[in-house]
Amino acid sequence: IYTSGSTGLPKGVAITHANFSPLIHWGYRHLPITTKDRALQNLAYYFDWSVWEIFIALTSGAALYMVPSELLLDPVRSNDYIREHNLSILHITPTQYQYIVKSPRPADCLQYLFIGAEKLTYDLVKRSFEAVSPHCRVFNMYGPTEATIISAVLEIHRETVEDYRTLSSVPIGLPTGNTWLYVMD
C-alpha cells in the first residue's frame, strides 16, 4: 500500500496479512458492522486507509458502494448520494469532510463516521454532530502506513465533545489491536 505522500514523496509499504489481521479483528470486536450496513468507498484504492475501508466492510458482509471519482469530488452530490442510497458508513478525511458537512441536508442515515488521516479539529467534530443522526458513532482514526494503517482510534461522544474545545486538535485515542503507543519526551 502507499503512504499519503504528506512528505511530498509517496512510497510503497509492504503490509502482510499478519500485520493487517489484528486491525481487522479489532474492528470486528469494537464495531458491530453487519450485512445491513452500506459503506461508500470514498478513499482512493491506492491510499493506505482504503485497505481498512474496503476490508472492514466486505469481511463484515456490508455492501461497498463504488462510485466515480467525479461524484466524490462534488460535496453536494456526495451527500445526496449518501442519503439517496441510505449509506450507513463513511470514511473521510477532515479536508474532504469540511465541505460535505456544510450541506444544508444532513446525512442522517450514517451510523458510523470515521474521520482520519489528518488533524481533526474541535470545530469539525462539533459540526459533524449537527450533521448526523443522534445514533451515529463518530471516530477519529490515526496511524502511519508503516504501522498498518490505523494505530489509534478515539470514539468521540456527543456528551464529551466540549472536552476538546480548548485543544489544538482532537486526541488520536487508544491503540488498536496488537498495537502499542509510546509517548516520547
N, C-alpha and C. Protein backbone atom coordinates (compact mmCIF):
# COMPACT_ATOMS: atom_id res chain seq x y z
N ILE A 1 0.85 -1.17 0.00
CA ILE A 1 0.00 0.00 0.00
C ILE A 1 0.89 1.23 0.00
N TYR A 2 0.31 2.35 -0.31
CA TYR A 2 1.11 3.56 -0.44
C TYR A 2 0.77 4.59 0.63
N THR A 3 1.77 5.31 1.05
CA THR A 3 1.57 6.39 2.00
C THR A 3 0.82 7.51 1.30
N SER A 4 0.32 8.44 2.08
CA SER A 4 -0.45 9.55 1.52
C SER A 4 0.43 10.54 0.78
N GLY A 5 1.72 10.49 1.00
CA GLY A 5 2.60 11.43 0.34
C GLY A 5 2.71 12.75 1.05
N SER A 6 2.39 12.78 2.33
CA SER A 6 2.43 14.04 3.08
C SER A 6 3.84 14.63 3.13
N THR A 7 4.84 13.81 2.92
CA THR A 7 6.22 14.31 2.90
C THR A 7 6.60 14.80 1.51
N GLY A 8 5.70 14.64 0.56
CA GLY A 8 5.98 15.05 -0.81
C GLY A 8 6.35 13.89 -1.72
N LEU A 9 6.72 12.77 -1.12
CA LEU A 9 7.10 11.60 -1.90
C LEU A 9 6.36 10.36 -1.41
N PRO A 10 5.24 10.00 -2.02
CA PRO A 10 4.56 8.77 -1.60
C PRO A 10 5.49 7.57 -1.80
N LYS A 11 5.39 6.61 -0.88
CA LYS A 11 6.24 5.43 -1.01
C LYS A 11 5.42 4.19 -0.72
N GLY A 12 5.79 3.10 -1.36
CA GLY A 12 5.12 1.83 -1.12
C GLY A 12 5.61 1.21 0.18
N VAL A 13 4.68 0.63 0.94
CA VAL A 13 5.00 -0.02 2.20
C VAL A 13 4.40 -1.43 2.16
N ALA A 14 5.23 -2.43 2.39
CA ALA A 14 4.74 -3.80 2.38
C ALA A 14 3.96 -4.08 3.67
N ILE A 15 2.77 -4.56 3.52
CA ILE A 15 1.92 -4.93 4.65
C ILE A 15 1.55 -6.40 4.48
N THR A 16 1.73 -7.18 5.53
CA THR A 16 1.41 -8.61 5.45
C THR A 16 0.04 -8.88 6.08
N HIS A 17 -0.47 -10.07 5.82
CA HIS A 17 -1.72 -10.47 6.47
C HIS A 17 -1.54 -10.45 7.99
N ALA A 18 -0.37 -10.85 8.46
CA ALA A 18 -0.11 -10.86 9.91
C ALA A 18 -0.16 -9.46 10.50
N ASN A 19 0.21 -8.45 9.73
CA ASN A 19 0.12 -7.07 10.20
C ASN A 19 -1.33 -6.58 10.21
N PHE A 20 -2.06 -6.95 9.17
CA PHE A 20 -3.42 -6.42 8.99
C PHE A 20 -4.45 -7.15 9.84
N SER A 21 -4.24 -8.43 10.08
CA SER A 21 -5.22 -9.25 10.80
C SER A 21 -5.61 -8.69 12.17
N PRO A 22 -4.68 -8.26 13.02
CA PRO A 22 -5.11 -7.72 14.33
C PRO A 22 -6.00 -6.49 14.19
N LEU A 23 -5.74 -5.66 13.19
CA LEU A 23 -6.57 -4.47 12.99
C LEU A 23 -7.99 -4.86 12.60
N ILE A 24 -8.13 -5.77 11.67
CA ILE A 24 -9.46 -6.15 11.21
C ILE A 24 -10.22 -6.88 12.33
N HIS A 25 -9.53 -7.67 13.13
CA HIS A 25 -10.18 -8.34 14.26
C HIS A 25 -10.57 -7.33 15.34
N TRP A 26 -9.76 -6.30 15.52
CA TRP A 26 -10.14 -5.23 16.43
C TRP A 26 -11.45 -4.61 15.95
N GLY A 27 -11.57 -4.40 14.65
CA GLY A 27 -12.79 -3.84 14.07
C GLY A 27 -14.01 -4.71 14.33
N TYR A 28 -13.85 -6.02 14.20
CA TYR A 28 -14.98 -6.93 14.46
C TYR A 28 -15.44 -6.82 15.91
N ARG A 29 -14.49 -6.70 16.84
CA ARG A 29 -14.84 -6.65 18.26
C ARG A 29 -15.46 -5.31 18.67
N HIS A 30 -15.05 -4.22 18.05
CA HIS A 30 -15.47 -2.90 18.51
C HIS A 30 -16.53 -2.21 17.66
N LEU A 31 -16.76 -2.72 16.47
CA LEU A 31 -17.71 -2.08 15.56
C LEU A 31 -18.68 -3.14 15.03
N PRO A 32 -19.89 -3.13 15.49
CA PRO A 32 -20.82 -4.17 15.04
C PRO A 32 -21.35 -3.91 13.62
N ILE A 33 -20.43 -3.84 12.66
CA ILE A 33 -20.82 -3.67 11.27
C ILE A 33 -21.39 -5.00 10.78
N THR A 34 -22.53 -4.94 10.10
CA THR A 34 -23.22 -6.17 9.70
C THR A 34 -23.61 -6.12 8.22
N THR A 35 -24.31 -7.15 7.81
CA THR A 35 -24.80 -7.24 6.43
C THR A 35 -25.85 -6.17 6.12
N LYS A 36 -26.38 -5.52 7.13
CA LYS A 36 -27.35 -4.44 6.91
C LYS A 36 -26.69 -3.11 6.58
N ASP A 37 -25.38 -3.02 6.82
CA ASP A 37 -24.66 -1.76 6.60
C ASP A 37 -24.27 -1.57 5.14
N ARG A 38 -24.12 -0.30 4.78
CA ARG A 38 -23.74 0.09 3.42
C ARG A 38 -22.65 1.16 3.55
N ALA A 39 -21.51 0.88 2.91
CA ALA A 39 -20.37 1.80 3.00
C ALA A 39 -20.06 2.40 1.65
N LEU A 40 -19.72 3.67 1.68
CA LEU A 40 -19.26 4.35 0.48
C LEU A 40 -17.76 4.13 0.37
N GLN A 41 -17.29 3.63 -0.79
CA GLN A 41 -15.84 3.54 -0.98
C GLN A 41 -15.39 4.91 -1.42
N ASN A 42 -15.06 5.72 -0.45
CA ASN A 42 -14.77 7.13 -0.64
C ASN A 42 -13.29 7.40 -0.90
N LEU A 43 -12.43 6.55 -0.39
CA LEU A 43 -10.99 6.78 -0.47
C LEU A 43 -10.40 6.10 -1.70
N ALA A 44 -9.41 6.71 -2.31
CA ALA A 44 -8.74 6.12 -3.47
C ALA A 44 -8.15 4.77 -3.07
N TYR A 45 -8.31 3.76 -3.91
CA TYR A 45 -7.88 2.40 -3.57
C TYR A 45 -6.38 2.31 -3.30
N TYR A 46 -5.60 3.22 -3.77
CA TYR A 46 -4.15 3.18 -3.55
C TYR A 46 -3.74 3.95 -2.29
N PHE A 47 -4.67 4.58 -1.62
CA PHE A 47 -4.42 5.29 -0.37
C PHE A 47 -4.49 4.26 0.76
N ASP A 48 -3.54 4.29 1.68
CA ASP A 48 -3.45 3.25 2.70
C ASP A 48 -4.74 3.02 3.47
N TRP A 49 -5.43 4.06 3.84
CA TRP A 49 -6.63 3.93 4.67
C TRP A 49 -7.76 3.20 3.92
N SER A 50 -7.70 3.18 2.59
CA SER A 50 -8.74 2.49 1.81
C SER A 50 -8.72 0.98 2.07
N VAL A 51 -7.57 0.43 2.44
CA VAL A 51 -7.49 -1.00 2.73
C VAL A 51 -8.43 -1.33 3.89
N TRP A 52 -8.40 -0.51 4.94
CA TRP A 52 -9.33 -0.69 6.06
C TRP A 52 -10.77 -0.46 5.59
N GLU A 53 -11.00 0.62 4.87
CA GLU A 53 -12.34 0.98 4.39
C GLU A 53 -12.97 -0.18 3.61
N ILE A 54 -12.22 -0.77 2.71
CA ILE A 54 -12.72 -1.85 1.85
C ILE A 54 -12.92 -3.14 2.64
N PHE A 55 -11.88 -3.56 3.38
CA PHE A 55 -11.93 -4.88 4.01
C PHE A 55 -12.80 -4.96 5.24
N ILE A 56 -12.94 -3.89 6.02
CA ILE A 56 -13.85 -3.98 7.17
C ILE A 56 -15.29 -4.11 6.67
N ALA A 57 -15.60 -3.46 5.56
CA ALA A 57 -16.96 -3.59 5.00
C ALA A 57 -17.17 -5.00 4.44
N LEU A 58 -16.32 -5.42 3.54
CA LEU A 58 -16.53 -6.69 2.84
C LEU A 58 -16.42 -7.90 3.76
N THR A 59 -15.49 -7.90 4.70
CA THR A 59 -15.36 -9.07 5.58
C THR A 59 -16.43 -9.09 6.67
N SER A 60 -17.16 -8.00 6.83
CA SER A 60 -18.28 -7.95 7.77
C SER A 60 -19.61 -8.23 7.07
N GLY A 61 -19.57 -8.36 5.75
CA GLY A 61 -20.78 -8.62 4.98
C GLY A 61 -21.53 -7.37 4.56
N ALA A 62 -20.98 -6.20 4.84
CA ALA A 62 -21.63 -4.95 4.44
C ALA A 62 -21.47 -4.74 2.94
N ALA A 63 -22.35 -3.96 2.35
CA ALA A 63 -22.24 -3.61 0.93
C ALA A 63 -21.26 -2.46 0.79
N LEU A 64 -20.46 -2.50 -0.27
CA LEU A 64 -19.49 -1.45 -0.54
C LEU A 64 -19.88 -0.78 -1.85
N TYR A 65 -20.24 0.49 -1.77
CA TYR A 65 -20.70 1.24 -2.94
C TYR A 65 -19.51 1.95 -3.58
N MET A 66 -19.19 1.55 -4.79
CA MET A 66 -18.10 2.16 -5.53
C MET A 66 -18.69 3.16 -6.50
N VAL A 67 -18.18 4.38 -6.47
CA VAL A 67 -18.74 5.45 -7.29
C VAL A 67 -17.61 6.14 -8.05
N PRO A 68 -17.95 6.84 -9.12
CA PRO A 68 -16.92 7.56 -9.88
C PRO A 68 -16.30 8.68 -9.04
N SER A 69 -15.03 8.95 -9.29
CA SER A 69 -14.33 9.99 -8.52
C SER A 69 -14.96 11.37 -8.72
N GLU A 70 -15.60 11.59 -9.86
CA GLU A 70 -16.25 12.89 -10.10
C GLU A 70 -17.33 13.14 -9.05
N LEU A 71 -18.05 12.10 -8.66
CA LEU A 71 -19.08 12.25 -7.64
C LEU A 71 -18.44 12.58 -6.30
N LEU A 72 -17.34 11.91 -5.98
CA LEU A 72 -16.67 12.13 -4.70
C LEU A 72 -16.08 13.53 -4.58
N LEU A 73 -15.77 14.14 -5.72
CA LEU A 73 -15.19 15.49 -5.71
C LEU A 73 -16.24 16.58 -5.59
N ASP A 74 -17.51 16.21 -5.62
CA ASP A 74 -18.59 17.17 -5.52
C ASP A 74 -19.32 16.95 -4.18
N PRO A 75 -19.10 17.80 -3.18
CA PRO A 75 -19.68 17.59 -1.85
C PRO A 75 -21.21 17.48 -1.84
N VAL A 76 -21.88 18.27 -2.65
CA VAL A 76 -23.35 18.23 -2.66
C VAL A 76 -23.82 16.90 -3.23
N ARG A 77 -23.26 16.50 -4.36
CA ARG A 77 -23.63 15.22 -4.97
C ARG A 77 -23.27 14.04 -4.06
N SER A 78 -22.12 14.13 -3.39
CA SER A 78 -21.71 13.06 -2.47
C SER A 78 -22.71 12.91 -1.34
N ASN A 79 -23.08 14.02 -0.75
CA ASN A 79 -24.04 13.98 0.35
C ASN A 79 -25.40 13.48 -0.12
N ASP A 80 -25.82 13.91 -1.31
CA ASP A 80 -27.08 13.42 -1.86
C ASP A 80 -27.02 11.92 -2.10
N TYR A 81 -25.90 11.44 -2.61
CA TYR A 81 -25.72 10.01 -2.88
C TYR A 81 -25.79 9.21 -1.57
N ILE A 82 -25.15 9.70 -0.53
CA ILE A 82 -25.17 9.03 0.77
C ILE A 82 -26.61 8.89 1.26
N ARG A 83 -27.37 9.96 1.18
CA ARG A 83 -28.76 9.94 1.63
C ARG A 83 -29.64 9.10 0.73
N GLU A 84 -29.47 9.26 -0.58
CA GLU A 84 -30.27 8.52 -1.57
C GLU A 84 -30.14 7.01 -1.41
N HIS A 85 -28.94 6.54 -1.12
CA HIS A 85 -28.68 5.10 -1.01
C HIS A 85 -28.65 4.62 0.44
N ASN A 86 -29.05 5.51 1.35
CA ASN A 86 -29.16 5.16 2.76
C ASN A 86 -27.88 4.51 3.29
N LEU A 87 -26.74 5.13 2.96
CA LEU A 87 -25.46 4.57 3.38
C LEU A 87 -25.28 4.78 4.88
N SER A 88 -24.66 3.82 5.53
CA SER A 88 -24.50 3.88 6.98
C SER A 88 -23.06 4.09 7.42
N ILE A 89 -22.09 3.93 6.49
CA ILE A 89 -20.68 4.04 6.86
C ILE A 89 -19.97 5.00 5.92
N LEU A 90 -19.23 5.94 6.52
CA LEU A 90 -18.43 6.86 5.72
C LEU A 90 -17.05 7.01 6.34
N HIS A 91 -16.01 6.75 5.54
CA HIS A 91 -14.62 7.02 5.89
C HIS A 91 -14.23 8.27 5.13
N ILE A 92 -13.63 9.24 5.81
CA ILE A 92 -13.38 10.50 5.14
C ILE A 92 -12.26 11.28 5.86
N THR A 93 -11.52 12.04 5.09
CA THR A 93 -10.51 12.90 5.69
C THR A 93 -11.17 14.21 6.13
N PRO A 94 -10.60 14.88 7.11
CA PRO A 94 -11.15 16.18 7.52
C PRO A 94 -11.22 17.18 6.36
N THR A 95 -10.22 17.18 5.49
CA THR A 95 -10.21 18.10 4.36
C THR A 95 -11.44 17.92 3.49
N GLN A 96 -11.77 16.68 3.16
CA GLN A 96 -12.95 16.42 2.33
C GLN A 96 -14.23 16.64 3.11
N TYR A 97 -14.25 16.19 4.36
CA TYR A 97 -15.47 16.25 5.15
C TYR A 97 -15.91 17.69 5.45
N GLN A 98 -14.98 18.62 5.55
CA GLN A 98 -15.36 20.00 5.85
C GLN A 98 -16.31 20.57 4.80
N TYR A 99 -16.25 20.06 3.59
CA TYR A 99 -17.15 20.52 2.53
C TYR A 99 -18.50 19.81 2.59
N ILE A 100 -18.49 18.53 2.87
CA ILE A 100 -19.74 17.76 2.95
C ILE A 100 -20.58 18.19 4.14
N VAL A 101 -19.94 18.47 5.27
CA VAL A 101 -20.67 18.81 6.48
C VAL A 101 -21.40 20.15 6.36
N LYS A 102 -21.03 20.95 5.40
CA LYS A 102 -21.70 22.25 5.19
C LYS A 102 -23.01 22.11 4.43
N SER A 103 -23.30 20.92 3.95
CA SER A 103 -24.50 20.70 3.15
C SER A 103 -25.76 21.06 3.95
N PRO A 104 -26.72 21.69 3.31
CA PRO A 104 -27.95 22.06 4.02
C PRO A 104 -28.80 20.84 4.38
N ARG A 105 -28.54 19.71 3.73
CA ARG A 105 -29.30 18.48 4.03
C ARG A 105 -28.37 17.47 4.70
N PRO A 106 -28.51 17.26 5.99
CA PRO A 106 -27.60 16.38 6.71
C PRO A 106 -27.72 14.92 6.28
N ALA A 107 -26.63 14.20 6.43
CA ALA A 107 -26.61 12.77 6.12
C ALA A 107 -27.01 12.01 7.38
N ASP A 108 -28.28 12.07 7.71
CA ASP A 108 -28.74 11.47 8.96
C ASP A 108 -28.89 9.96 8.91
N CYS A 109 -28.57 9.34 7.78
CA CYS A 109 -28.61 7.88 7.68
C CYS A 109 -27.32 7.24 8.19
N LEU A 110 -26.25 8.02 8.32
CA LEU A 110 -24.97 7.46 8.75
C LEU A 110 -25.06 6.89 10.17
N GLN A 111 -24.47 5.70 10.34
CA GLN A 111 -24.36 5.08 11.66
C GLN A 111 -22.92 5.12 12.16
N TYR A 112 -21.97 5.19 11.21
CA TYR A 112 -20.54 5.24 11.52
C TYR A 112 -19.89 6.32 10.68
N LEU A 113 -19.23 7.25 11.33
CA LEU A 113 -18.48 8.29 10.64
C LEU A 113 -17.03 8.18 11.12
N PHE A 114 -16.17 7.72 10.21
CA PHE A 114 -14.76 7.54 10.52
C PHE A 114 -13.99 8.69 9.86
N ILE A 115 -13.47 9.59 10.69
CA ILE A 115 -12.71 10.73 10.18
C ILE A 115 -11.25 10.47 10.53
N GLY A 116 -10.37 10.63 9.56
CA GLY A 116 -8.98 10.35 9.89
C GLY A 116 -8.00 10.75 8.81
N ALA A 117 -6.76 10.37 9.07
CA ALA A 117 -5.63 10.57 8.17
C ALA A 117 -5.06 11.99 8.23
N GLU A 118 -5.71 12.86 8.97
CA GLU A 118 -5.24 14.24 9.13
C GLU A 118 -5.67 14.73 10.50
N LYS A 119 -5.15 15.88 10.88
CA LYS A 119 -5.51 16.52 12.15
C LYS A 119 -7.01 16.81 12.15
N LEU A 120 -7.68 16.44 13.23
CA LEU A 120 -9.11 16.66 13.38
C LEU A 120 -9.34 17.75 14.42
N THR A 121 -10.11 18.76 14.06
CA THR A 121 -10.34 19.89 14.95
C THR A 121 -11.68 19.77 15.68
N TYR A 122 -11.75 20.46 16.79
CA TYR A 122 -12.99 20.53 17.57
C TYR A 122 -14.14 21.05 16.72
N ASP A 123 -13.89 22.13 15.96
CA ASP A 123 -14.95 22.74 15.16
C ASP A 123 -15.57 21.74 14.18
N LEU A 124 -14.74 20.94 13.53
CA LEU A 124 -15.27 19.97 12.57
C LEU A 124 -16.07 18.88 13.28
N VAL A 125 -15.60 18.45 14.42
CA VAL A 125 -16.35 17.43 15.18
C VAL A 125 -17.69 18.00 15.64
N LYS A 126 -17.67 19.23 16.12
CA LYS A 126 -18.90 19.87 16.57
C LYS A 126 -19.92 19.95 15.43
N ARG A 127 -19.45 20.38 14.24
CA ARG A 127 -20.34 20.45 13.08
C ARG A 127 -20.80 19.06 12.65
N SER A 128 -19.95 18.06 12.86
CA SER A 128 -20.32 16.68 12.50
C SER A 128 -21.53 16.21 13.29
N PHE A 129 -21.51 16.48 14.57
CA PHE A 129 -22.63 16.05 15.40
C PHE A 129 -23.93 16.76 15.02
N GLU A 130 -23.82 17.92 14.44
CA GLU A 130 -25.02 18.63 13.97
C GLU A 130 -25.52 18.07 12.65
N ALA A 131 -24.65 17.37 11.91
CA ALA A 131 -25.00 16.89 10.56
C ALA A 131 -25.41 15.42 10.51
N VAL A 132 -25.22 14.69 11.58
CA VAL A 132 -25.56 13.26 11.58
C VAL A 132 -26.65 12.98 12.61
N SER A 133 -27.20 11.79 12.54
CA SER A 133 -28.27 11.43 13.48
C SER A 133 -27.69 11.26 14.89
N PRO A 134 -28.53 11.33 15.90
CA PRO A 134 -28.05 11.14 17.28
C PRO A 134 -27.46 9.75 17.52
N HIS A 135 -27.75 8.81 16.64
CA HIS A 135 -27.28 7.43 16.81
C HIS A 135 -25.96 7.17 16.10
N CYS A 136 -25.48 8.12 15.33
CA CYS A 136 -24.23 7.93 14.58
C CYS A 136 -23.04 7.95 15.52
N ARG A 137 -22.17 6.95 15.36
CA ARG A 137 -20.92 6.89 16.13
C ARG A 137 -19.83 7.59 15.32
N VAL A 138 -19.12 8.51 15.97
CA VAL A 138 -18.10 9.31 15.30
C VAL A 138 -16.73 8.94 15.88
N PHE A 139 -15.77 8.69 14.97
CA PHE A 139 -14.44 8.24 15.37
C PHE A 139 -13.35 9.11 14.75
N ASN A 140 -12.28 9.32 15.51
CA ASN A 140 -11.05 9.90 14.98
C ASN A 140 -10.08 8.73 14.82
N MET A 141 -9.57 8.53 13.61
CA MET A 141 -8.66 7.41 13.34
C MET A 141 -7.31 7.94 12.92
N TYR A 142 -6.28 7.34 13.49
CA TYR A 142 -4.92 7.81 13.22
C TYR A 142 -3.99 6.62 13.01
N GLY A 143 -3.05 6.79 12.13
CA GLY A 143 -2.00 5.79 12.00
C GLY A 143 -1.16 5.99 10.77
N PRO A 144 0.13 5.83 10.91
CA PRO A 144 1.00 5.89 9.74
C PRO A 144 0.91 4.58 8.96
N THR A 145 1.12 4.65 7.67
CA THR A 145 1.07 3.47 6.81
C THR A 145 1.97 2.37 7.36
N GLU A 146 3.16 2.75 7.78
CA GLU A 146 4.13 1.77 8.24
C GLU A 146 3.66 0.98 9.46
N ALA A 147 2.68 1.48 10.17
CA ALA A 147 2.13 0.77 11.34
C ALA A 147 0.82 0.08 10.98
N THR A 148 0.64 -0.24 9.72
CA THR A 148 -0.54 -0.91 9.19
C THR A 148 -1.81 -0.09 9.37
N ILE A 149 -1.79 1.06 8.80
CA ILE A 149 -2.96 1.90 8.54
C ILE A 149 -3.50 2.64 9.75
N ILE A 150 -4.07 1.94 10.73
CA ILE A 150 -4.70 2.60 11.87
C ILE A 150 -4.04 2.10 13.14
N SER A 151 -3.45 3.00 13.89
CA SER A 151 -2.77 2.63 15.12
C SER A 151 -3.56 3.03 16.36
N ALA A 152 -4.35 4.08 16.23
CA ALA A 152 -5.10 4.60 17.38
C ALA A 152 -6.46 5.08 16.92
N VAL A 153 -7.44 4.89 17.79
CA VAL A 153 -8.81 5.30 17.49
C VAL A 153 -9.43 5.93 18.73
N LEU A 154 -10.15 7.00 18.50
CA LEU A 154 -10.92 7.64 19.57
C LEU A 154 -12.37 7.72 19.12
N GLU A 155 -13.25 7.09 19.88
CA GLU A 155 -14.68 7.30 19.63
C GLU A 155 -15.05 8.58 20.36
N ILE A 156 -15.63 9.50 19.63
CA ILE A 156 -15.98 10.81 20.18
C ILE A 156 -17.47 10.79 20.51
N HIS A 157 -17.80 11.08 21.73
CA HIS A 157 -19.19 11.05 22.18
C HIS A 157 -19.76 12.46 22.24
N ARG A 158 -21.01 12.59 21.88
CA ARG A 158 -21.68 13.90 21.90
C ARG A 158 -21.54 14.60 23.25
N GLU A 159 -21.73 13.84 24.30
CA GLU A 159 -21.74 14.44 25.63
C GLU A 159 -20.36 14.87 26.11
N THR A 160 -19.29 14.46 25.42
CA THR A 160 -17.95 14.86 25.84
C THR A 160 -17.22 15.71 24.80
N VAL A 161 -17.88 16.06 23.72
CA VAL A 161 -17.22 16.81 22.65
C VAL A 161 -16.67 18.15 23.14
N GLU A 162 -17.31 18.76 24.11
CA GLU A 162 -16.84 20.05 24.64
C GLU A 162 -15.48 19.92 25.33
N ASP A 163 -15.10 18.71 25.72
CA ASP A 163 -13.79 18.49 26.34
C ASP A 163 -12.64 18.87 25.40
N TYR A 164 -12.91 18.89 24.11
CA TYR A 164 -11.86 19.14 23.12
C TYR A 164 -11.82 20.60 22.65
N ARG A 165 -12.69 21.42 23.17
CA ARG A 165 -12.81 22.82 22.72
C ARG A 165 -11.49 23.59 22.82
N THR A 166 -10.75 23.40 23.87
CA THR A 166 -9.54 24.19 24.07
C THR A 166 -8.27 23.53 23.52
N LEU A 167 -8.40 22.37 22.94
CA LEU A 167 -7.23 21.66 22.39
C LEU A 167 -6.98 22.08 20.95
N SER A 168 -5.74 21.99 20.52
CA SER A 168 -5.41 22.34 19.12
C SER A 168 -5.93 21.29 18.15
N SER A 169 -6.17 20.07 18.64
CA SER A 169 -6.77 19.02 17.81
C SER A 169 -7.40 17.98 18.72
N VAL A 170 -8.27 17.18 18.15
CA VAL A 170 -8.91 16.11 18.89
C VAL A 170 -7.86 15.01 19.10
N PRO A 171 -7.78 14.43 20.30
CA PRO A 171 -6.78 13.38 20.54
C PRO A 171 -6.96 12.19 19.59
N ILE A 172 -5.87 11.44 19.40
CA ILE A 172 -5.92 10.30 18.48
C ILE A 172 -6.49 9.05 19.13
N GLY A 173 -6.57 9.00 20.44
CA GLY A 173 -7.23 7.89 21.09
C GLY A 173 -6.31 6.80 21.61
N LEU A 174 -6.87 5.61 21.67
CA LEU A 174 -6.19 4.46 22.24
C LEU A 174 -5.72 3.52 21.13
N PRO A 175 -4.73 2.66 21.43
CA PRO A 175 -4.22 1.77 20.40
C PRO A 175 -5.26 0.74 19.95
N THR A 176 -5.15 0.37 18.69
CA THR A 176 -6.00 -0.69 18.14
C THR A 176 -5.35 -2.04 18.42
N GLY A 177 -5.95 -3.10 17.89
CA GLY A 177 -5.48 -4.46 18.13
C GLY A 177 -4.00 -4.67 17.88
N ASN A 178 -3.33 -5.28 18.86
CA ASN A 178 -1.93 -5.67 18.75
C ASN A 178 -1.01 -4.47 18.49
N THR A 179 -1.40 -3.30 18.98
CA THR A 179 -0.62 -2.08 18.78
C THR A 179 -0.33 -1.45 20.13
N TRP A 180 0.83 -0.83 20.25
CA TRP A 180 1.20 -0.09 21.44
C TRP A 180 1.56 1.32 21.02
N LEU A 181 1.24 2.27 21.89
CA LEU A 181 1.62 3.65 21.63
C LEU A 181 2.61 4.07 22.71
N TYR A 182 3.68 4.73 22.28
CA TYR A 182 4.67 5.24 23.21
C TYR A 182 4.72 6.75 23.08
N VAL A 183 4.62 7.44 24.19
CA VAL A 183 4.75 8.89 24.19
C VAL A 183 6.20 9.18 24.55
N MET A 184 6.89 9.79 23.60
CA MET A 184 8.32 10.06 23.78
C MET A 184 8.51 11.54 24.10
N ASP A 185 9.20 11.83 25.18
CA ASP A 185 9.56 13.18 25.58
C ASP A 185 8.34 13.94 26.05
